[in-house]
Amino acid sequence: MDGDFFFVLGIILVIAAVGLAFLGIRDSDTFPGSRAILVGGTALFAAIVVATMSFAVVKANDEQDKRDKEQAEEAHQAEGANQGNAAGGEQLAVSSPADGGL
């Protein structure tokens, strides 16, 4: 999954929120028209938010998996490069103070 649906749901959520605010400001005397509209609108927004959050988690996991694979590949390439330099390469000794100061 490439995560496009997450962005689509996010855009739908923003448009719905702006539309609801517009309707609420314009018809503030009678907004919402009935209790059923209030409950239905709340349920609709809750469903859109839950779906957006779910796809955000899916996209985050996909991105993390992709990043892990890239890092493993880079580590494998670096390991191969270090093996080639092991015979004639220099070793650099690095130390730090025991108290952690600079």
N, C-alpha and C. Protein backbone atom coordinates (compact mmCIF):
# COMPACT_ATOMS: atom_id res chain seq x y z
N MET A 1 0.86 -1.18 0.00
CA MET A 1 0.00 0.00 0.00
C MET A 1 0.90 1.24 0.00
N ASP A 2 0.63 2.17 -0.88
CA ASP A 2 1.51 3.32 -1.01
C ASP A 2 1.07 4.52 -0.20
N GLY A 3 -0.05 4.48 0.47
CA GLY A 3 -0.45 5.55 1.36
C GLY A 3 -1.25 6.66 0.73
N ASP A 4 -1.58 6.54 -0.55
CA ASP A 4 -2.36 7.60 -1.19
C ASP A 4 -3.73 7.77 -0.56
N PHE A 5 -4.31 6.67 -0.09
CA PHE A 5 -5.64 6.74 0.50
C PHE A 5 -5.64 7.57 1.79
N PHE A 6 -4.51 7.56 2.51
CA PHE A 6 -4.37 8.39 3.71
C PHE A 6 -4.52 9.86 3.35
N PHE A 7 -3.87 10.28 2.28
CA PHE A 7 -3.94 11.67 1.87
C PHE A 7 -5.34 12.03 1.36
N VAL A 8 -5.98 11.11 0.66
CA VAL A 8 -7.35 11.34 0.19
C VAL A 8 -8.28 11.54 1.38
N LEU A 9 -8.18 10.66 2.37
CA LEU A 9 -9.03 10.80 3.56
C LEU A 9 -8.72 12.08 4.33
N GLY A 10 -7.47 12.47 4.38
CA GLY A 10 -7.11 13.72 5.05
C GLY A 10 -7.73 14.92 4.37
N ILE A 11 -7.71 14.92 3.05
CA ILE A 11 -8.33 16.02 2.29
C ILE A 11 -9.84 16.03 2.50
N ILE A 12 -10.45 14.84 2.49
CA ILE A 12 -11.89 14.76 2.72
C ILE A 12 -12.23 15.29 4.12
N LEU A 13 -11.42 14.95 5.09
CA LEU A 13 -11.66 15.42 6.47
C LEU A 13 -11.57 16.93 6.56
N VAL A 14 -10.59 17.52 5.91
CA VAL A 14 -10.45 18.98 5.94
C VAL A 14 -11.63 19.65 5.25
N ILE A 15 -12.00 19.15 4.08
CA ILE A 15 -13.14 19.74 3.35
C ILE A 15 -14.43 19.62 4.16
N ALA A 16 -14.63 18.47 4.79
CA ALA A 16 -15.83 18.28 5.61
C ALA A 16 -15.84 19.22 6.80
N ALA A 17 -14.69 19.42 7.44
CA ALA A 17 -14.62 20.31 8.60
C ALA A 17 -14.87 21.75 8.21
N VAL A 18 -14.30 22.18 7.10
CA VAL A 18 -14.52 23.55 6.63
C VAL A 18 -15.99 23.74 6.24
N GLY A 19 -16.56 22.75 5.56
CA GLY A 19 -17.97 22.82 5.18
C GLY A 19 -18.89 22.86 6.39
N LEU A 20 -18.59 22.06 7.38
CA LEU A 20 -19.40 22.05 8.61
C LEU A 20 -19.29 23.39 9.33
N ALA A 21 -18.10 23.94 9.40
CA ALA A 21 -17.93 25.25 10.04
C ALA A 21 -18.71 26.33 9.28
N PHE A 22 -18.65 26.27 7.95
CA PHE A 22 -19.38 27.25 7.15
C PHE A 22 -20.89 27.15 7.42
N LEU A 23 -21.41 25.93 7.40
CA LEU A 23 -22.84 25.74 7.66
C LEU A 23 -23.22 26.16 9.08
N GLY A 24 -22.37 25.85 10.03
CA GLY A 24 -22.65 26.21 11.41
C GLY A 24 -22.64 27.70 11.65
N ILE A 25 -21.73 28.40 10.99
CA ILE A 25 -21.67 29.86 11.14
C ILE A 25 -22.83 30.52 10.40
N ARG A 26 -23.14 30.01 9.21
CA ARG A 26 -24.18 30.62 8.39
C ARG A 26 -25.57 30.42 9.00
N ASP A 27 -25.85 29.25 9.48
CA ASP A 27 -27.17 28.93 10.04
C ASP A 27 -27.06 28.69 11.55
N SER A 28 -26.45 29.59 12.26
CA SER A 28 -26.20 29.35 13.68
C SER A 28 -27.49 29.28 14.50
N ASP A 29 -28.59 29.85 14.00
CA ASP A 29 -29.85 29.82 14.76
C ASP A 29 -30.45 28.42 14.80
N THR A 30 -30.35 27.69 13.71
CA THR A 30 -31.01 26.39 13.62
C THR A 30 -30.04 25.25 13.40
N PHE A 31 -28.79 25.46 13.71
CA PHE A 31 -27.77 24.42 13.43
C PHE A 31 -27.56 23.56 14.65
N PRO A 32 -27.54 22.28 14.58
CA PRO A 32 -27.98 21.43 13.48
C PRO A 32 -29.50 21.37 13.44
N GLY A 33 -30.03 20.95 12.33
CA GLY A 33 -31.48 20.97 12.12
C GLY A 33 -32.25 20.05 13.05
N SER A 34 -31.67 18.90 13.39
CA SER A 34 -32.36 17.94 14.28
C SER A 34 -31.31 17.11 15.01
N ARG A 35 -31.78 16.37 15.97
CA ARG A 35 -30.87 15.51 16.74
C ARG A 35 -30.30 14.40 15.85
N ALA A 36 -31.09 13.92 14.91
CA ALA A 36 -30.61 12.86 14.00
C ALA A 36 -29.45 13.36 13.15
N ILE A 37 -29.54 14.59 12.68
CA ILE A 37 -28.45 15.17 11.88
C ILE A 37 -27.20 15.32 12.75
N LEU A 38 -27.38 15.73 13.98
CA LEU A 38 -26.25 15.88 14.90
C LEU A 38 -25.56 14.54 15.13
N VAL A 39 -26.34 13.51 15.44
CA VAL A 39 -25.76 12.19 15.69
C VAL A 39 -25.13 11.62 14.42
N GLY A 40 -25.81 11.75 13.29
CA GLY A 40 -25.26 11.26 12.03
C GLY A 40 -23.99 11.97 11.62
N GLY A 41 -23.97 13.29 11.77
CA GLY A 41 -22.76 14.06 11.45
C GLY A 41 -21.59 13.71 12.34
N THR A 42 -21.88 13.53 13.63
CA THR A 42 -20.83 13.14 14.56
C THR A 42 -20.29 11.76 14.22
N ALA A 43 -21.18 10.83 13.89
CA ALA A 43 -20.75 9.49 13.51
C ALA A 43 -19.93 9.52 12.22
N LEU A 44 -20.35 10.33 11.27
CA LEU A 44 -19.61 10.45 10.01
C LEU A 44 -18.20 10.99 10.25
N PHE A 45 -18.09 12.04 11.04
CA PHE A 45 -16.77 12.59 11.34
C PHE A 45 -15.91 11.60 12.11
N ALA A 46 -16.51 10.90 13.05
CA ALA A 46 -15.75 9.90 13.80
C ALA A 46 -15.24 8.80 12.87
N ALA A 47 -16.06 8.37 11.94
CA ALA A 47 -15.63 7.33 10.99
C ALA A 47 -14.50 7.82 10.10
N ILE A 48 -14.59 9.06 9.62
CA ILE A 48 -13.53 9.60 8.77
C ILE A 48 -12.23 9.74 9.56
N VAL A 49 -12.33 10.20 10.80
CA VAL A 49 -11.13 10.36 11.63
C VAL A 49 -10.49 9.01 11.93
N VAL A 50 -11.29 8.01 12.29
CA VAL A 50 -10.75 6.68 12.58
C VAL A 50 -10.10 6.07 11.33
N ALA A 51 -10.74 6.23 10.18
CA ALA A 51 -10.16 5.71 8.94
C ALA A 51 -8.85 6.42 8.61
N THR A 52 -8.82 7.73 8.79
CA THR A 52 -7.59 8.49 8.51
C THR A 52 -6.47 8.05 9.45
N MET A 53 -6.79 7.87 10.72
CA MET A 53 -5.77 7.43 11.68
C MET A 53 -5.28 6.03 11.34
N SER A 54 -6.17 5.16 10.94
CA SER A 54 -5.78 3.79 10.60
C SER A 54 -4.82 3.78 9.41
N PHE A 55 -5.15 4.55 8.39
CA PHE A 55 -4.26 4.59 7.23
C PHE A 55 -2.96 5.33 7.53
N ALA A 56 -2.97 6.24 8.49
CA ALA A 56 -1.73 6.90 8.92
C ALA A 56 -0.80 5.87 9.55
N VAL A 57 -1.34 4.99 10.37
CA VAL A 57 -0.53 3.94 11.00
C VAL A 57 0.01 2.98 9.94
N VAL A 58 -0.83 2.60 8.99
CA VAL A 58 -0.39 1.71 7.92
C VAL A 58 0.74 2.36 7.12
N LYS A 59 0.57 3.64 6.77
CA LYS A 59 1.59 4.34 6.01
C LYS A 59 2.89 4.46 6.81
N ALA A 60 2.78 4.74 8.10
CA ALA A 60 3.98 4.84 8.93
C ALA A 60 4.72 3.50 8.99
N ASN A 61 3.98 2.41 9.12
CA ASN A 61 4.62 1.09 9.14
C ASN A 61 5.28 0.77 7.81
N ASP A 62 4.62 1.11 6.70
CA ASP A 62 5.22 0.90 5.38
C ASP A 62 6.50 1.71 5.22
N GLU A 63 6.46 2.95 5.66
CA GLU A 63 7.65 3.81 5.55
C GLU A 63 8.79 3.26 6.42
N GLN A 64 8.45 2.77 7.62
CA GLN A 64 9.48 2.22 8.50
C GLN A 64 10.11 0.97 7.89
N ASP A 65 9.28 0.10 7.31
CA ASP A 65 9.80 -1.09 6.65
C ASP A 65 10.71 -0.72 5.49
N LYS A 66 10.30 0.26 4.71
CA LYS A 66 11.11 0.72 3.58
C LYS A 66 12.45 1.27 4.08
N ARG A 67 12.40 2.05 5.15
CA ARG A 67 13.63 2.64 5.70
C ARG A 67 14.55 1.55 6.27
N ASP A 68 13.98 0.56 6.94
CA ASP A 68 14.78 -0.54 7.48
C ASP A 68 15.49 -1.30 6.36
N LYS A 69 14.78 -1.55 5.26
CA LYS A 69 15.39 -2.24 4.13
C LYS A 69 16.52 -1.42 3.52
N GLU A 70 16.32 -0.11 3.39
CA GLU A 70 17.36 0.75 2.84
C GLU A 70 18.58 0.76 3.74
N GLN A 71 18.38 0.85 5.05
CA GLN A 71 19.50 0.86 5.98
C GLN A 71 20.24 -0.47 5.98
N ALA A 72 19.50 -1.57 5.87
CA ALA A 72 20.15 -2.88 5.81
C ALA A 72 21.00 -3.00 4.55
N GLU A 73 20.47 -2.49 3.44
CA GLU A 73 21.22 -2.52 2.19
C GLU A 73 22.48 -1.66 2.28
N GLU A 74 22.36 -0.47 2.87
CA GLU A 74 23.52 0.40 3.04
C GLU A 74 24.56 -0.23 3.96
N ALA A 75 24.10 -0.87 5.02
CA ALA A 75 25.03 -1.54 5.93
C ALA A 75 25.75 -2.68 5.23
N HIS A 76 25.01 -3.41 4.40
CA HIS A 76 25.61 -4.51 3.65
C HIS A 76 26.66 -3.98 2.67
N GLN A 77 26.35 -2.88 2.00
CA GLN A 77 27.31 -2.29 1.07
C GLN A 77 28.54 -1.76 1.81
N ALA A 78 28.32 -1.13 2.97
CA ALA A 78 29.44 -0.60 3.75
C ALA A 78 30.30 -1.74 4.28
N GLU A 79 29.68 -2.84 4.66
CA GLU A 79 30.41 -3.99 5.15
C GLU A 79 31.31 -4.55 4.05
N GLY A 80 30.77 -4.61 2.82
CA GLY A 80 31.56 -5.09 1.69
C GLY A 80 32.71 -4.15 1.38
N ALA A 81 32.49 -2.84 1.51
CA ALA A 81 33.56 -1.86 1.26
C ALA A 81 34.62 -1.95 2.34
N ASN A 82 34.23 -2.19 3.58
CA ASN A 82 35.20 -2.30 4.67
C ASN A 82 36.04 -3.56 4.53
N GLN A 83 35.48 -4.63 4.04
CA GLN A 83 36.25 -5.86 3.85
C GLN A 83 37.32 -5.66 2.79
N GLY A 84 37.02 -4.87 1.79
CA GLY A 84 38.00 -4.60 0.75
C GLY A 84 39.14 -3.73 1.25
N ASN A 85 38.91 -2.90 2.24
CA ASN A 85 39.94 -2.02 2.79
C ASN A 85 40.62 -2.60 4.02
N ALA A 86 40.25 -3.77 4.47
CA ALA A 86 40.78 -4.32 5.71
C ALA A 86 42.27 -4.58 5.62
N ALA A 87 42.77 -4.96 4.46
CA ALA A 87 44.18 -5.28 4.34
C ALA A 87 45.05 -4.04 4.41
N GLY A 88 44.64 -2.93 3.79
CA GLY A 88 45.52 -1.78 3.74
C GLY A 88 44.93 -0.54 4.38
N GLY A 89 43.79 -0.64 5.04
CA GLY A 89 43.14 0.53 5.60
C GLY A 89 43.69 0.91 6.97
N GLU A 90 43.50 2.15 7.34
CA GLU A 90 43.92 2.63 8.65
C GLU A 90 42.77 2.51 9.63
N GLN A 91 43.12 2.31 10.88
CA GLN A 91 42.12 2.29 11.93
C GLN A 91 42.25 3.59 12.71
N LEU A 92 41.13 4.19 13.02
CA LEU A 92 41.10 5.44 13.75
C LEU A 92 40.57 5.17 15.15
N ALA A 93 41.37 5.51 16.15
CA ALA A 93 40.95 5.30 17.53
C ALA A 93 40.26 6.57 18.03
N VAL A 94 39.07 6.41 18.54
CA VAL A 94 38.29 7.55 19.04
C VAL A 94 37.94 7.28 20.48
N SER A 95 38.10 8.28 21.33
CA SER A 95 37.72 8.12 22.72
C SER A 95 36.98 9.36 23.20
N SER A 96 36.33 9.22 24.34
CA SER A 96 35.63 10.35 24.93
C SER A 96 35.91 10.35 26.43
N PRO A 97 35.83 11.52 27.05
CA PRO A 97 36.08 11.57 28.50
C PRO A 97 35.05 10.74 29.27
N ALA A 98 35.45 10.22 30.41
CA ALA A 98 34.57 9.38 31.21
C ALA A 98 33.36 10.12 31.74
N ASP A 99 33.51 11.46 31.99
CA ASP A 99 32.39 12.22 32.53
C ASP A 99 31.42 12.65 31.45
N GLY A 100 31.68 12.39 30.20
CA GLY A 100 30.78 12.72 29.11
C GLY A 100 30.90 14.16 28.65
N GLY A 101 31.77 14.96 29.23
CA GLY A 101 31.95 16.35 28.82
C GLY A 101 32.76 16.45 27.56
N LEU A 102 32.75 17.63 26.99
CA LEU A 102 33.52 17.83 25.77
C LEU A 102 34.84 18.40 26.09
